[in-house]
Protein backbone atom coordinates (compact mmCIF):
# COMPACT_ATOMS: atom_id res chain seq x y z
CA MET A 1 -22.58 -40.69 1.87
CA GLN A 2 -20.78 -39.62 5.03
CA PRO A 3 -17.36 -37.94 4.83
CA LEU A 4 -14.33 -40.21 5.10
CA PHE A 5 -13.26 -38.95 8.52
CA ILE A 6 -16.76 -39.79 9.90
CA ARG A 7 -16.50 -43.30 8.49
CA LYS A 8 -13.03 -43.70 10.02
CA LEU A 9 -14.35 -42.46 13.32
CA ARG A 10 -17.10 -45.09 13.28
CA GLY A 11 -14.90 -47.76 11.68
CA TYR A 12 -15.20 -49.67 8.39
CA VAL A 13 -13.88 -52.84 6.72
CA ARG A 14 -12.66 -53.76 3.25
CA VAL A 15 -14.29 -57.08 2.31
CA THR A 16 -14.09 -59.61 -0.53
CA ILE A 17 -17.45 -61.12 -1.62
CA ARG A 18 -17.32 -64.55 -3.28
CA GLY A 19 -19.78 -67.03 -4.84
CA GLY A 20 -23.56 -66.87 -4.89
CA GLU A 21 -25.44 -64.02 -6.51
CA ILE A 22 -23.17 -61.05 -5.96
CA GLU A 23 -25.30 -58.57 -7.95
CA LEU A 24 -28.42 -59.51 -6.01
CA PHE A 25 -26.51 -59.13 -2.76
CA LEU A 26 -25.35 -55.64 -3.73
CA ASN A 27 -28.83 -54.59 -4.85
CA LYS A 28 -30.46 -55.76 -1.63
CA ALA A 29 -27.71 -54.03 0.42
CA ALA A 30 -28.41 -50.78 -1.39
CA GLY A 31 -32.14 -51.23 -0.82
CA LEU A 32 -31.55 -51.62 2.91
CA GLU A 33 -29.45 -48.37 2.83
CA PHE A 34 -26.19 -50.10 3.61
CA GLN A 35 -23.26 -47.65 3.57
CA ILE A 36 -21.20 -49.49 0.99
CA TRP A 37 -18.78 -47.89 -1.47
CA ASP A 38 -15.77 -48.42 -3.71
CA ILE A 39 -17.34 -51.58 -5.21
CA ARG A 40 -15.10 -53.42 -7.69
CA LEU A 41 -15.73 -56.63 -9.62
CA THR A 42 -12.45 -58.56 -9.50
CA GLY A 43 -13.68 -61.75 -11.25
CA PRO A 44 -16.74 -63.60 -12.56
CA ARG A 45 -17.94 -64.39 -9.04
CA THR A 46 -15.83 -62.09 -6.80
CA ALA A 47 -16.03 -58.44 -5.81
CA THR A 48 -14.50 -56.08 -3.24
CA ALA A 49 -16.16 -53.24 -1.34
CA ASN A 50 -15.90 -51.02 1.71
CA LEU A 51 -18.57 -51.37 4.37
CA VAL A 52 -19.14 -49.47 7.61
CA LEU A 53 -18.79 -51.54 10.75
CA LYS A 54 -22.44 -51.19 11.76
CA ASP A 55 -23.70 -52.56 8.44
CA PHE A 56 -21.11 -55.35 8.43
CA PHE A 57 -22.95 -56.96 11.35
CA ARG A 58 -26.31 -56.55 9.53
CA MET A 59 -25.29 -58.45 6.41
CA ARG A 60 -25.60 -62.05 7.69
CA PRO A 61 -29.26 -62.50 6.52
CA LEU A 62 -28.34 -61.19 3.05
CA LEU A 63 -25.42 -63.63 2.80
CA LYS A 64 -27.71 -66.60 3.57
CA GLU A 65 -30.32 -65.35 1.12
CA THR A 66 -27.91 -64.83 -1.80
CA GLY A 67 -25.46 -67.66 -1.04
CA CYS A 68 -22.45 -65.33 -0.84
CA ARG A 69 -19.44 -65.51 1.46
CA VAL A 70 -17.45 -62.58 2.84
CA HIS A 71 -13.80 -62.34 3.82
CA VAL A 72 -12.43 -59.28 5.65
CA GLU A 73 -9.31 -57.97 3.94
CA LYS A 74 -8.67 -54.76 5.88
CA ARG A 75 -9.89 -52.97 9.00
CA GLU A 76 -9.81 -49.18 9.33
CA GLY A 77 -10.92 -46.63 11.91
CA VAL A 78 -10.89 -45.70 15.55
CA PRO A 79 -12.59 -48.83 16.98
CA PHE A 80 -9.88 -51.09 15.54
CA MET A 81 -7.12 -48.75 16.67
CA LEU A 82 -8.53 -48.81 20.19
CA GLY A 83 -8.68 -52.56 20.01
CA ARG A 84 -5.01 -52.75 19.06
CA LEU A 85 -4.12 -50.38 21.88
CA GLU A 86 -6.14 -52.49 24.30
CA ARG A 87 -3.88 -55.42 23.50
CA ARG A 88 -0.88 -53.19 24.31
CA LYS A 89 -2.24 -51.53 27.39
CA PHE A 90 1.04 -50.86 29.11
CA PHE A 91 2.60 -49.40 25.98
CA ALA A 92 -0.39 -47.13 25.39
CA VAL A 93 -0.50 -46.06 29.03
CA GLY A 94 3.23 -45.32 28.89
CA ILE A 95 2.88 -43.15 25.77
CA ILE A 96 -0.07 -41.26 27.22
CA GLY A 97 1.68 -40.89 30.56
CA PHE A 98 4.82 -39.59 28.85
CA PHE A 99 2.98 -36.80 27.03
CA ILE A 100 0.93 -35.98 30.13
CA GLY A 101 4.18 -35.76 32.11
CA ILE A 102 5.75 -33.49 29.48
CA TYR A 103 2.70 -31.25 29.55
CA LEU A 104 2.62 -31.08 33.34
CA LEU A 105 6.35 -30.41 33.65
CA SER A 106 6.19 -27.69 31.01
CA SER A 107 3.23 -26.08 32.79
CA LEU A 108 5.27 -25.47 35.95
CA VAL A 109 7.49 -22.49 36.74
CA TRP A 110 10.92 -23.99 37.45
CA GLN A 111 13.03 -20.85 37.75
CA VAL A 112 12.45 -17.19 38.61
CA GLU A 113 15.30 -14.86 37.61
CA VAL A 114 15.91 -11.13 38.07
CA GLU A 115 17.78 -8.96 35.56
CA GLY A 116 18.84 -5.31 35.64
CA ASN A 117 19.09 -4.71 39.42
CA ASP A 118 22.24 -3.19 40.93
CA THR A 119 21.32 -1.64 44.28
CA VAL A 120 18.02 -3.39 45.06
CA PRO A 121 18.84 -6.91 46.36
CA THR A 122 17.66 -9.83 44.26
CA TYR A 123 16.19 -11.61 47.29
CA GLU A 124 14.02 -8.55 48.03
CA ILE A 125 12.58 -8.61 44.50
CA LEU A 126 12.02 -12.39 44.64
CA GLN A 127 10.30 -12.08 48.03
CA ALA A 128 7.92 -9.43 46.66
CA ALA A 129 7.31 -11.57 43.56
CA LYS A 130 6.52 -14.59 45.76
CA LEU A 131 3.72 -12.63 47.41
CA GLN A 132 2.26 -12.11 43.92
CA GLY A 133 2.41 -15.87 43.20
CA ILE A 134 5.58 -15.73 41.07
CA LYS A 135 7.61 -18.56 42.52
CA PRO A 136 9.10 -21.94 41.53
CA TYR A 137 6.74 -24.93 41.22
CA GLN A 138 3.78 -22.68 40.48
CA TRP A 139 1.38 -23.67 37.70
CA THR A 140 1.68 -21.21 34.82
CA PHE A 141 -2.05 -21.33 34.08
CA ARG A 142 -2.73 -20.05 37.60
CA LEU A 143 -0.67 -16.91 37.05
CA PRO A 144 -2.45 -13.63 36.20
CA PRO A 145 -1.55 -11.78 32.96
CA MET A 146 2.09 -10.63 32.85
CA ASP A 147 1.28 -6.91 32.67
CA GLU A 148 -1.02 -7.21 35.69
CA MET A 149 1.66 -8.99 37.74
CA ALA A 150 4.24 -6.37 36.74
CA ARG A 151 1.91 -3.57 37.84
CA ASP A 152 1.21 -5.18 41.23
CA LEU A 153 4.89 -5.95 41.80
CA HIS A 154 5.83 -2.37 40.96
CA ARG A 155 3.65 -1.14 43.84
CA GLU A 156 5.64 -3.26 46.29
CA LEU A 157 9.04 -1.97 45.14
CA PRO A 158 9.25 1.84 45.35
CA ASP A 159 12.95 1.89 44.45
CA ILE A 160 12.15 0.41 41.01
CA SER A 161 11.06 2.79 38.24
CA TRP A 162 9.98 0.07 35.75
CA ILE A 163 9.30 -3.67 35.92
CA GLY A 164 8.68 -6.07 33.06
CA ILE A 165 7.82 -9.76 33.48
CA GLU A 166 8.45 -12.23 30.67
CA ARG A 167 7.77 -15.95 30.50
CA GLN A 168 10.44 -17.97 28.66
CA GLY A 169 9.25 -21.55 28.62
CA THR A 170 9.46 -22.75 32.21
CA ARG A 171 11.37 -19.65 33.34
CA ILE A 172 9.96 -16.35 34.59
CA VAL A 173 12.34 -13.42 34.01
CA ILE A 174 11.73 -10.22 35.98
CA LYS A 175 13.43 -7.27 34.25
CA VAL A 176 13.82 -4.12 36.32
CA VAL A 177 15.05 -0.57 35.85
CA GLU A 178 16.03 1.04 39.11
CA ALA A 179 14.99 4.57 40.00
CA ALA A 180 17.75 7.14 39.73
CA LYS A 181 18.85 8.42 43.12
CA PRO A 182 20.78 11.61 43.81
CA GLU A 183 24.44 10.89 44.24
CA LYS A 184 25.81 11.15 47.73
CA HIS A 185 28.77 13.48 47.64
CA GLU A 186 31.60 12.34 49.80
CA LEU A 187 33.70 14.72 51.83
CA LEU A 188 36.31 16.10 49.46
CA SER A 189 39.97 15.64 50.23
CA PRO A 190 42.62 18.21 49.18
CA ARG A 191 43.28 18.04 45.46
CA HIS A 192 44.42 19.83 42.33
CA LEU A 193 42.54 20.01 39.04
CA VAL A 194 44.94 18.92 36.30
CA ALA A 195 44.72 18.54 32.52
CA SER A 196 43.27 15.18 31.41
CA LYS A 197 44.78 15.65 27.90
CA SER A 198 46.94 18.06 25.96
CA ALA A 199 44.96 21.10 24.77
CA VAL A 200 44.83 24.88 24.30
CA VAL A 201 42.91 26.42 27.20
CA THR A 202 39.82 28.42 26.20
CA GLU A 203 38.01 28.97 29.50
CA VAL A 204 38.89 28.79 33.21
CA ARG A 205 36.24 28.82 35.94
CA SER A 206 37.40 28.43 39.53
CA THR A 207 35.11 28.30 42.58
CA LYS A 208 37.80 27.12 45.01
CA GLY A 209 41.54 26.98 44.63
CA LYS A 210 44.09 29.03 42.69
CA PRO A 211 43.97 29.14 38.84
CA VAL A 212 47.48 28.77 37.39
CA VAL A 213 46.62 28.87 33.66
CA GLU A 214 44.94 31.42 31.39
CA PRO A 215 43.03 31.15 28.10
CA ASN A 216 45.08 30.60 24.91
CA ARG A 217 47.78 28.76 26.84
CA TYR A 218 48.91 25.30 25.68
CA VAL A 219 48.96 22.67 28.43
CA LYS A 220 50.10 19.08 28.45
CA LYS A 221 48.39 16.14 30.07
CA GLY A 222 48.99 16.25 33.83
CA ASP A 223 49.71 20.01 34.08
CA ILE A 224 48.06 21.73 37.06
CA LEU A 225 45.15 23.94 35.98
CA ILE A 226 43.64 24.96 39.34
CA SER A 227 45.88 24.45 42.35
CA GLY A 228 44.54 23.23 45.66
CA ILE A 229 47.29 25.12 47.51
CA ILE A 230 46.40 28.72 48.27
CA GLY A 231 48.09 31.53 50.26
CA ASP A 232 51.80 32.23 50.64
CA GLU A 233 54.62 30.48 52.47
CA VAL A 234 53.48 31.94 55.81
CA ASN A 235 49.71 31.53 55.45
CA ARG A 236 49.52 28.37 53.37
CA GLN A 237 46.32 26.32 53.11
CA VAL A 238 45.44 23.13 51.26
CA VAL A 239 41.87 22.89 49.88
CA PRO A 240 39.93 20.69 47.44
CA ALA A 241 40.13 22.66 44.18
CA GLU A 242 36.78 23.10 42.44
CA GLY A 243 35.87 24.51 39.05
CA SER A 244 36.13 23.59 35.37
CA VAL A 245 38.58 24.22 32.57
CA ARG A 246 37.78 23.87 28.90
CA GLY A 247 40.18 23.63 26.02
CA ILE A 248 40.60 22.73 22.36
CA VAL A 249 41.72 19.14 21.78
CA TRP A 250 42.84 17.59 18.47
CA TYR A 251 41.51 14.21 17.27
CA GLU A 252 42.76 12.45 14.16
CA SER A 253 40.31 10.03 12.52
CA LYS A 254 41.06 7.59 9.71
CA LEU A 255 37.85 6.80 7.83
CA GLU A 256 37.02 4.01 5.37
CA ILE A 257 33.50 4.38 3.95
CA PRO A 258 31.94 2.12 1.23
CA ILE A 259 30.33 4.10 -1.59
CA ALA A 260 27.57 1.50 -2.10
CA PRO A 261 27.05 -0.22 1.28
CA GLN A 262 25.09 -3.45 1.49
CA TYR A 263 22.40 -4.20 4.02
CA MET A 264 20.66 -7.40 5.07
CA VAL A 265 16.86 -7.12 4.95
CA TYR A 266 14.07 -9.61 5.69
CA THR A 267 11.79 -10.66 2.82
CA GLY A 268 8.88 -11.60 5.10
CA GLU A 269 9.02 -15.32 4.22
CA SER A 270 9.65 -17.76 7.06
CA PHE A 271 8.91 -21.24 8.39
CA SER A 272 9.40 -23.01 11.72
CA ARG A 273 10.83 -26.30 12.93
CA PHE A 274 10.13 -28.00 16.24
CA TYR A 275 12.61 -30.37 17.89
CA LEU A 276 12.25 -32.68 20.88
CA VAL A 277 15.50 -32.78 22.85
CA LEU A 278 16.41 -36.06 24.55
CA GLY A 279 19.80 -36.01 26.21
CA GLY A 280 22.33 -34.66 23.74
CA ARG A 281 20.19 -35.32 20.67
CA ALA A 282 17.43 -33.33 19.02
CA LEU A 283 14.60 -35.13 17.19
CA GLN A 284 12.91 -33.00 14.54
CA LEU A 285 9.11 -33.27 14.74
CA THR A 286 7.87 -30.60 12.31
CA GLY A 287 9.20 -28.59 9.37
CA TYR A 288 10.12 -31.52 7.13
CA GLY A 289 10.31 -30.97 3.38
CA LYS A 290 11.06 -27.27 3.66
CA GLU A 291 14.41 -26.29 2.20
CA ASP A 292 16.56 -23.59 3.71
CA TYR A 293 16.59 -20.28 1.88
CA ALA A 294 19.65 -19.16 -0.06
CA SER A 295 20.19 -16.52 2.61
CA SER A 296 18.48 -16.75 6.00
CA ASP A 297 18.59 -15.83 9.66
CA LYS A 298 17.79 -18.55 12.19
CA ARG A 299 16.39 -17.87 15.64
CA GLU A 300 16.12 -20.52 18.33
CA ALA A 301 14.02 -20.61 21.47
CA ARG A 302 15.24 -23.39 23.78
CA THR A 303 13.25 -24.74 26.69
CA ALA A 304 14.94 -27.16 29.09
CA LEU A 305 13.09 -28.73 31.97
CA GLY A 306 14.72 -28.92 35.36
CA TRP A 307 14.19 -29.86 38.96
CA LYS A 308 15.48 -27.34 41.51
CA SER A 309 19.14 -26.85 40.56
CA TYR A 310 19.22 -29.94 38.33
CA SER A 311 18.55 -29.92 34.60
CA LEU A 312 16.49 -32.80 33.24
CA PRO A 313 17.85 -34.43 30.06
CA PHE A 314 14.94 -33.42 27.86
CA GLY A 315 13.18 -30.33 26.55
CA TRP A 316 12.38 -28.83 23.17
CA ILE A 317 13.65 -26.30 20.64
CA LYS A 318 11.55 -24.06 18.42
CA GLU A 319 13.57 -22.78 15.47
CA LYS A 320 12.33 -20.05 13.15
CA VAL A 321 14.02 -19.60 9.77
CA LEU A 322 13.56 -16.16 8.19
CA GLU A 323 14.51 -15.52 4.57
CA THR A 324 16.86 -12.59 4.00
CA ARG A 325 18.38 -10.80 1.05
CA VAL A 326 21.20 -8.33 0.60
CA ASP A 327 20.26 -4.92 -0.76
CA GLY A 328 22.89 -2.57 -2.12
CA GLY A 329 22.96 1.14 -1.38
CA THR A 330 23.00 3.83 -4.07
CA GLN A 331 24.89 6.66 -2.33
CA GLY A 332 27.70 8.39 -4.22
CA PRO A 333 31.13 9.55 -3.01
CA GLU A 334 29.74 12.80 -1.57
CA ALA A 335 27.08 11.00 0.46
CA ALA A 336 29.64 8.43 1.62
CA ARG A 337 31.98 11.24 2.69
CA ALA A 338 29.19 12.98 4.65
CA ALA A 339 28.13 9.72 6.32
CA GLY A 340 31.73 9.01 7.31
CA MET A 341 32.15 12.48 8.83
CA GLU A 342 28.96 12.10 10.89
CA ARG A 343 30.07 8.69 12.13
CA ALA A 344 33.50 10.07 13.11
CA LYS A 345 31.88 12.99 14.97
CA ALA A 346 29.61 10.62 16.87
CA ASP A 347 32.58 8.48 17.92
CA ILE A 348 34.53 11.55 19.09
CA LEU A 349 31.58 12.91 21.09
CA MET A 350 31.19 9.54 22.76
CA HIS A 351 34.70 9.90 24.22
CA ALA A 352 34.80 13.69 24.65
CA GLY A 353 31.53 14.01 26.59
CA LYS A 354 28.12 15.59 26.11
CA ASP A 355 29.38 19.14 26.68
CA ALA A 356 31.93 18.92 23.86
CA ARG A 357 31.48 20.92 20.64
CA PHE A 358 33.24 20.81 17.29
CA VAL A 359 35.28 23.90 16.42
CA SER A 360 36.65 22.95 12.99
CA TYR A 361 38.12 20.10 10.99
CA ASN A 362 40.80 19.70 8.36
CA VAL A 363 40.94 16.90 5.77
CA LEU A 364 44.58 15.82 5.71
CA GLN A 365 44.21 13.13 3.05
CA GLU A 366 41.42 11.76 0.85
CA LYS A 367 41.19 9.21 -1.96
CA THR A 368 38.64 6.94 -3.62
CA ASP A 369 39.67 3.36 -4.42
CA ASN A 370 37.95 -0.04 -4.82
CA GLY A 371 34.48 1.39 -4.21
CA LYS A 372 35.48 3.09 -0.95
CA VAL A 373 36.34 6.58 0.23
CA TYR A 374 39.47 6.80 2.41
CA MET A 375 39.89 9.94 4.55
CA ASN A 376 42.29 11.17 7.20
CA VAL A 377 40.63 14.03 9.12
CA LEU A 378 41.90 16.21 11.98
CA PHE A 379 39.10 17.52 14.23
CA GLN A 380 39.33 20.39 16.72
CA VAL A 381 36.97 19.90 19.65
CA GLU A 382 36.34 22.13 22.63
CA GLU A 383 35.66 20.12 25.77
CA THR A 384 36.24 19.96 29.52
CA ILE A 385 39.85 18.95 30.15
CA SER A 386 40.09 19.12 33.96
CA GLU A 387 40.30 16.11 36.24
CA GLU A 388 41.07 15.58 39.91
CA LEU A 389 44.50 14.80 41.35
CA ALA A 390 44.83 14.24 45.09
CA ILE A 391 47.43 16.28 46.95
CA VAL A 392 49.79 13.90 48.75
CA GLN A 393 50.83 14.71 52.28
CA GLY A 394 53.93 16.88 52.44
CA GLU A 395 53.49 18.44 48.97
């Protein structure tokens, strides 16, 4: 017996056999190797059975010989489906044309975008990409592999240190990192170097100008550290002061650190849904019957078709739902205190600069309450405190 999908492919009918010698009819059909199955006697002189379409047209001689009659109850399989579609030609052609149109539209590149460029003009990158075949209204299946296109495009743009090309539906996104260029130093105008914040001076280095402060001296924000005015009243000259001044600056940090922090982690379980977007509505096509997790993270990838600068009112959304759970930490008060101090130091260094260094710290206040450690800490940091201040005419 052939598998069911083969029988559906070839087509079969469900028939009711009445009158005559039904048992003889069935025996002769089996002897002639009819593909007949699911035979059921429904009465003294009636029976039902399934019969492949080819054998249905061979049974007329057996019906005359046994005096039986046959009535078709049900038709199944591809031949009958094609017959129904043939009666609805325009509807079938429309459905097929719609999906072909969706496929063709989604196989075109509609937009090419550039991200990450500051000094290299976007049009220059797009022009070089066009020479590589990356342009609107290009078939995506005609494009080479993304890494190969990125490598070829990189050769055409010497001012770019890295190029990555990513396809996002019908968009091509070119991500670039520009090569670092040496800064062009402008002609310096006369200036002082002044204190950018209040501090105790620890080091003064002057390459041009007149130092007016010494180590261990307290200065306020805005005080002159290295003057751009040199000489005396008779031989007075104004120059752009150059050098650096370092000093100790105080930072006060108020910390609030949980003793047992909680983190969201992924369990590895996930499922996807696919939506067809028509206008302002989304029709879900897949992912039915799957319940959302108690805790989850949803990620959407939207693809909207467009024509030039116009957006067409249809597209699709692929949504991925990832199961998550919340795990609790096990650190104690000491570990929480240490983690808080490291976080505070990182924040201070972010504002103080890479050349800053911690001198000391003093815990002004500390308490533990409601599963958290509360701290008030005063940090002493040595850093560069000089900044430029232009000398106005007539000073």
